[in-house]
Amino acid sequence: MKKTKRFIGSAVLLLFLLAVMAGCTKSDSGTVSTDGSTSMEKVIGALGEAFEKSNSGVTFTYNPTGSGSGITAVAEGRCDIGLSSRSLKEEEKAQGLKETVLALDGIAVIVNPDNPVKDLDLETIGKIYTGEITNWKDIGGKDLEIVLIGREAGSGTRDGFETITGTVDVCKYRQELTSTGDVITTVAGNPGAIGYASLASVKEIVKVLSVGGIEPTEETVRDGSYAVQRPFVLVTKSNTKLSATAQKFFDYITSSEANEIISSAGAVSVSQ
């Protein structure tokens, strides 16, 4: 009996010491889950990686489902923070959702690298996407059919592009793709293609056009001279508190401390 008591006492002491040691080595614990815009992948990925590095024991996750799906995920309680590359609609705000602008992003108009066209104005872009202009030779390019590439319904990038170019619900798409990466890859592989994608995600495999003589850069997006731009938005529930870990992440990415990371990822931070 005495041996049994001594064994139990030693086991309890061991468990206590292990708990103390764990408490000393872990600065934070928990998870933060994000869901939504594929255009925000580079920005939110860089922020999540930096947050994990400075908070041992924390797990950050990102589910690239698109802006509409991310907004729904927050409303249904399936993630901590939704990611949208468009502003919330009034009916979404009426559901108790709140938006916080994280950054601004230019929507780049992209073509195949072999396309000689370098600049288009908003009116011409609108005519291209509504099918009024169908051949590149009519706007300074080769005698080649224009192939319209865009995003799927519910995409924040599509919503922003169509709103700015005045083409909402009237675009004559050849292909409607489900991610920014797919649009870039498709345009890169088709000599007649034109598409649009987040400036933060554009790769060298495509050619970025200036719009109305203004190239999309951090400076032109910040000062508003580049017309085709939209916000990167964090979506939360106004009547529901975030977990301690999710709130810490939210506070970090909306602070000036995160500005350099956001800028390095190709977006324009709005925090001072």
Protein backbone atom coordinates (compact mmCIF):
# COMPACT_ATOMS: atom_id res chain seq x y z
CA MET A 1 0.00 0.00 0.00
CA LYS A 2 2.83 2.40 0.87
CA LYS A 3 4.54 1.64 -2.44
CA THR A 4 1.28 2.39 -4.26
CA LYS A 5 0.88 5.75 -2.51
CA ARG A 6 4.48 6.69 -3.24
CA PHE A 7 3.94 5.78 -6.93
CA ILE A 8 0.79 7.89 -7.17
CA GLY A 9 2.51 10.81 -5.47
CA SER A 10 5.48 10.62 -7.84
CA ALA A 11 3.20 10.46 -10.85
CA VAL A 12 1.28 13.54 -9.74
CA LEU A 13 4.54 15.41 -9.15
CA LEU A 14 5.81 14.41 -12.59
CA LEU A 15 2.65 15.63 -14.28
CA PHE A 16 2.90 18.93 -12.40
CA LEU A 17 6.50 19.45 -13.47
CA LEU A 18 5.66 18.66 -17.10
CA ALA A 19 2.83 21.18 -17.03
CA VAL A 20 5.13 23.86 -15.61
CA MET A 21 7.76 23.12 -18.25
CA ALA A 22 5.18 23.30 -21.03
CA GLY A 23 3.96 26.63 -19.71
CA CYS A 24 7.51 27.99 -19.75
CA THR A 25 8.27 26.96 -23.33
CA LYS A 26 5.01 27.98 -25.07
CA SER A 27 4.37 31.71 -25.44
CA ASP A 28 0.88 31.26 -26.85
CA SER A 29 -1.40 28.49 -28.02
CA GLY A 30 -4.45 28.07 -30.19
CA THR A 31 -5.47 28.42 -33.79
CA VAL A 32 -6.71 31.10 -36.14
CA SER A 33 -8.60 30.09 -39.27
CA THR A 34 -9.21 32.25 -42.35
CA ASP A 35 -11.32 31.52 -45.42
CA GLY A 36 -12.05 33.34 -48.67
CA SER A 37 -10.46 35.41 -51.42
CA THR A 38 -7.88 33.62 -53.57
CA SER A 39 -6.51 37.06 -54.53
CA MET A 40 -5.45 37.58 -50.92
CA GLU A 41 -3.45 34.34 -50.78
CA LYS A 42 -0.02 35.94 -51.04
CA VAL A 43 -0.77 38.69 -48.52
CA ILE A 44 -2.57 36.61 -45.92
CA GLY A 45 -0.08 33.75 -46.32
CA ALA A 46 2.86 36.06 -45.57
CA LEU A 47 1.08 37.56 -42.58
CA GLY A 48 0.10 34.14 -41.23
CA GLU A 49 3.66 32.84 -41.57
CA ALA A 50 5.09 35.85 -39.72
CA PHE A 51 2.48 35.49 -36.96
CA GLU A 52 3.27 31.82 -36.44
CA LYS A 53 7.00 32.54 -36.22
CA SER A 54 6.53 35.10 -33.46
CA ASN A 55 3.92 33.06 -31.54
CA SER A 56 5.09 29.53 -30.80
CA GLY A 57 2.32 26.98 -30.50
CA VAL A 58 -0.06 28.92 -32.74
CA THR A 59 -1.50 27.36 -35.91
CA PHE A 60 -2.68 29.58 -38.78
CA THR A 61 -4.85 28.19 -41.58
CA TYR A 62 -6.10 29.67 -44.86
CA ASN A 63 -8.78 28.12 -47.07
CA PRO A 64 -8.79 29.68 -50.60
CA THR A 65 -12.46 29.38 -51.49
CA GLY A 66 -13.23 32.81 -52.99
CA SER A 67 -14.70 35.97 -51.46
CA GLY A 68 -18.34 34.90 -51.47
CA SER A 69 -17.57 31.57 -49.83
CA GLY A 70 -15.36 33.23 -47.24
CA ILE A 71 -18.13 35.65 -46.28
CA THR A 72 -20.55 32.74 -45.93
CA ALA A 73 -18.04 30.80 -43.82
CA VAL A 74 -17.88 33.65 -41.29
CA ALA A 75 -21.67 34.02 -41.21
CA GLU A 76 -22.03 30.28 -40.53
CA GLY A 77 -19.27 30.23 -37.91
CA ARG A 78 -16.93 27.97 -39.90
CA CYS A 79 -13.88 30.23 -39.62
CA ASP A 80 -12.57 33.05 -37.45
CA ILE A 81 -11.92 35.66 -40.14
CA GLY A 82 -13.29 35.84 -43.68
CA LEU A 83 -11.29 37.30 -46.54
CA SER A 84 -12.99 39.31 -49.27
CA SER A 85 -11.54 41.25 -52.19
CA ARG A 86 -14.64 43.42 -52.34
CA SER A 87 -16.61 45.50 -49.88
CA LEU A 88 -19.51 43.89 -48.05
CA LYS A 89 -22.96 44.40 -49.51
CA GLU A 90 -25.69 45.99 -47.42
CA GLU A 91 -27.55 42.69 -47.09
CA GLU A 92 -24.38 41.06 -45.77
CA LYS A 93 -23.90 43.81 -43.20
CA ALA A 94 -27.53 43.31 -42.20
CA GLN A 95 -26.62 39.73 -41.27
CA GLY A 96 -24.34 41.10 -38.56
CA LEU A 97 -21.11 41.00 -40.55
CA LYS A 98 -18.44 43.68 -40.19
CA GLU A 99 -15.71 44.67 -42.64
CA THR A 100 -12.25 46.01 -41.89
CA VAL A 101 -10.12 47.14 -44.83
CA LEU A 102 -6.69 45.51 -44.55
CA ALA A 103 -5.14 46.84 -47.76
CA LEU A 104 -5.80 48.09 -51.27
CA ASP A 105 -5.06 46.05 -54.36
CA GLY A 106 -4.88 46.95 -58.02
CA ILE A 107 -6.72 44.68 -60.44
CA ALA A 108 -4.24 44.15 -63.25
CA VAL A 109 -5.49 43.77 -66.81
CA ILE A 110 -3.31 41.03 -68.28
CA VAL A 111 -2.56 39.63 -71.73
CA ASN A 112 -0.22 37.10 -73.28
CA PRO A 113 3.43 38.31 -73.31
CA ASP A 114 3.49 38.21 -77.13
CA ASN A 115 0.61 40.68 -77.43
CA PRO A 116 1.94 44.06 -78.72
CA VAL A 117 -0.85 46.07 -77.04
CA LYS A 118 0.46 48.01 -74.03
CA ASP A 119 -2.38 50.28 -72.91
CA LEU A 120 -6.18 50.32 -72.91
CA ASP A 121 -8.60 52.84 -71.45
CA LEU A 122 -11.62 51.86 -69.34
CA GLU A 123 -14.08 52.45 -72.16
CA THR A 124 -12.17 50.14 -74.51
CA ILE A 125 -11.85 47.45 -71.83
CA GLY A 126 -15.60 47.62 -71.33
CA LYS A 127 -16.23 47.24 -75.06
CA ILE A 128 -13.90 44.25 -75.19
CA TYR A 129 -15.62 42.43 -72.34
CA THR A 130 -19.14 43.11 -73.63
CA GLY A 131 -18.24 41.75 -77.05
CA GLU A 132 -18.36 45.03 -78.96
CA ILE A 133 -14.66 44.69 -79.86
CA THR A 134 -13.72 41.13 -80.77
CA ASN A 135 -10.37 41.31 -82.62
CA TRP A 136 -7.03 42.65 -81.41
CA LYS A 137 -6.31 44.29 -84.79
CA ASP A 138 -9.06 46.84 -84.05
CA ILE A 139 -7.12 48.19 -81.05
CA GLY A 140 -3.53 48.06 -82.29
CA GLY A 141 -2.85 44.35 -81.96
CA LYS A 142 -2.52 41.37 -84.26
CA ASP A 143 -5.32 39.95 -86.42
CA LEU A 144 -6.42 37.62 -83.69
CA GLU A 145 -9.71 36.88 -81.95
CA ILE A 146 -9.93 38.26 -78.42
CA VAL A 147 -10.51 35.48 -75.88
CA LEU A 148 -12.19 36.76 -72.71
CA ILE A 149 -11.02 35.16 -69.48
CA GLY A 150 -12.58 36.04 -66.12
CA ARG A 151 -13.51 34.82 -62.67
CA GLU A 152 -16.55 32.90 -61.50
CA ALA A 153 -19.70 34.50 -60.10
CA GLY A 154 -19.15 35.42 -56.44
CA SER A 155 -15.51 36.35 -56.97
CA GLY A 156 -14.47 39.65 -55.38
CA THR A 157 -12.06 40.28 -58.23
CA ARG A 158 -14.83 39.85 -60.80
CA ASP A 159 -17.19 42.09 -58.80
CA GLY A 160 -14.56 44.83 -58.60
CA PHE A 161 -13.54 44.59 -62.26
CA GLU A 162 -17.08 44.57 -63.63
CA THR A 163 -18.21 47.42 -61.38
CA ILE A 164 -15.30 49.66 -62.36
CA THR A 165 -15.54 48.90 -66.10
CA GLY A 166 -19.34 49.15 -66.17
CA THR A 167 -19.78 45.56 -67.35
CA VAL A 168 -21.73 43.98 -64.48
CA ASP A 169 -23.58 40.87 -65.70
CA VAL A 170 -22.93 41.63 -69.39
CA CYS A 171 -19.44 40.19 -69.94
CA LYS A 172 -19.11 37.62 -72.74
CA TYR A 173 -16.63 35.31 -71.06
CA ARG A 174 -15.08 32.40 -72.91
CA GLN A 175 -13.93 30.94 -69.59
CA GLU A 176 -14.94 31.68 -65.99
CA LEU A 177 -12.26 30.34 -63.65
CA THR A 178 -12.26 29.74 -59.92
CA SER A 179 -8.93 31.23 -58.88
CA THR A 180 -6.52 34.05 -59.64
CA GLY A 181 -3.80 31.52 -60.43
CA ASP A 182 -5.97 29.80 -63.02
CA VAL A 183 -6.67 33.11 -64.79
CA ILE A 184 -2.96 33.96 -64.95
CA THR A 185 -1.99 30.52 -66.25
CA THR A 186 -4.74 30.50 -68.88
CA VAL A 187 -3.88 33.96 -70.22
CA ALA A 188 -0.19 33.03 -70.32
CA GLY A 189 -0.99 30.06 -72.53
CA ASN A 190 -3.31 31.75 -75.05
CA PRO A 191 -1.98 34.42 -77.51
CA GLY A 192 -5.44 35.98 -77.91
CA ALA A 193 -6.45 36.00 -74.26
CA ILE A 194 -7.17 38.92 -71.96
CA GLY A 195 -7.94 38.58 -68.29
CA TYR A 196 -7.79 40.34 -64.93
CA ALA A 197 -6.06 39.38 -61.71
CA SER A 198 -4.92 40.75 -58.40
CA LEU A 199 -1.80 42.85 -58.86
CA ALA A 200 -0.42 41.21 -55.71
CA SER A 201 -0.54 37.82 -57.45
CA VAL A 202 0.61 38.64 -61.00
CA LYS A 203 3.60 36.69 -62.29
CA GLU A 204 6.07 37.40 -65.08
CA ILE A 205 4.43 34.81 -67.33
CA VAL A 206 1.83 37.44 -68.34
CA LYS A 207 2.01 41.04 -69.54
CA VAL A 208 0.34 43.75 -67.44
CA LEU A 209 -1.32 46.59 -69.37
CA SER A 210 -1.48 50.20 -68.25
CA VAL A 211 -5.02 51.60 -68.05
CA GLY A 212 -5.58 55.08 -69.44
CA GLY A 213 -1.83 55.58 -69.48
CA ILE A 214 -1.40 54.70 -65.80
CA GLU A 215 0.54 51.61 -64.79
CA PRO A 216 -0.67 49.67 -61.74
CA THR A 217 1.89 50.18 -58.95
CA GLU A 218 1.82 50.62 -55.19
CA GLU A 219 2.03 54.39 -55.65
CA THR A 220 -0.73 54.68 -58.27
CA VAL A 221 -3.03 52.43 -56.27
CA ARG A 222 -2.41 54.42 -53.07
CA ASP A 223 -3.01 57.82 -54.71
CA GLY A 224 -6.02 56.56 -56.66
CA SER A 225 -4.69 57.43 -60.11
CA TYR A 226 -4.88 53.77 -61.18
CA ALA A 227 -8.60 53.31 -61.66
CA VAL A 228 -8.98 49.52 -61.47
CA GLN A 229 -8.52 48.82 -57.78
CA ARG A 230 -10.47 47.38 -54.85
CA PRO A 231 -10.07 46.72 -51.11
CA PHE A 232 -8.80 43.61 -49.37
CA VAL A 233 -11.30 43.15 -46.56
CA LEU A 234 -11.29 41.21 -43.28
CA VAL A 235 -14.79 39.98 -42.40
CA THR A 236 -15.90 39.25 -38.84
CA LYS A 237 -19.15 38.98 -36.89
CA SER A 238 -19.99 42.22 -35.13
CA ASN A 239 -21.82 40.48 -32.29
CA THR A 240 -19.32 37.66 -31.72
CA LYS A 241 -15.95 38.00 -29.98
CA LEU A 242 -12.93 36.45 -31.62
CA SER A 243 -10.88 33.93 -29.68
CA ALA A 244 -7.82 35.34 -27.91
CA THR A 245 -5.52 33.97 -30.62
CA ALA A 246 -7.68 35.18 -33.51
CA GLN A 247 -7.97 38.64 -31.93
CA LYS A 248 -4.20 38.81 -31.48
CA PHE A 249 -3.74 37.93 -35.16
CA PHE A 250 -6.35 40.49 -36.22
CA ASP A 251 -4.68 43.22 -34.16
CA TYR A 252 -1.27 42.34 -35.57
CA ILE A 253 -2.20 42.37 -39.27
CA THR A 254 -4.11 45.66 -38.96
CA SER A 255 -1.24 47.42 -37.18
CA SER A 256 1.61 49.38 -38.73
CA GLU A 257 3.88 46.49 -37.72
CA ALA A 258 2.49 44.49 -40.67
CA ASN A 259 2.91 47.25 -43.28
CA GLU A 260 6.22 46.00 -44.65
CA ILE A 261 4.91 42.43 -45.05
CA ILE A 262 1.78 43.65 -46.86
CA SER A 263 3.86 45.84 -49.15
CA SER A 264 6.31 43.02 -49.89
CA ALA A 265 3.35 40.85 -50.87
CA GLY A 266 2.31 43.39 -53.52
CA ALA A 267 -0.60 45.13 -51.79
CA VAL A 268 -0.92 48.63 -50.31
CA SER A 269 -1.43 48.80 -46.54
CA VAL A 270 -4.00 51.29 -45.24
CA SER A 271 -2.72 51.42 -41.63
CA GLN A 272 -0.51 54.37 -40.69
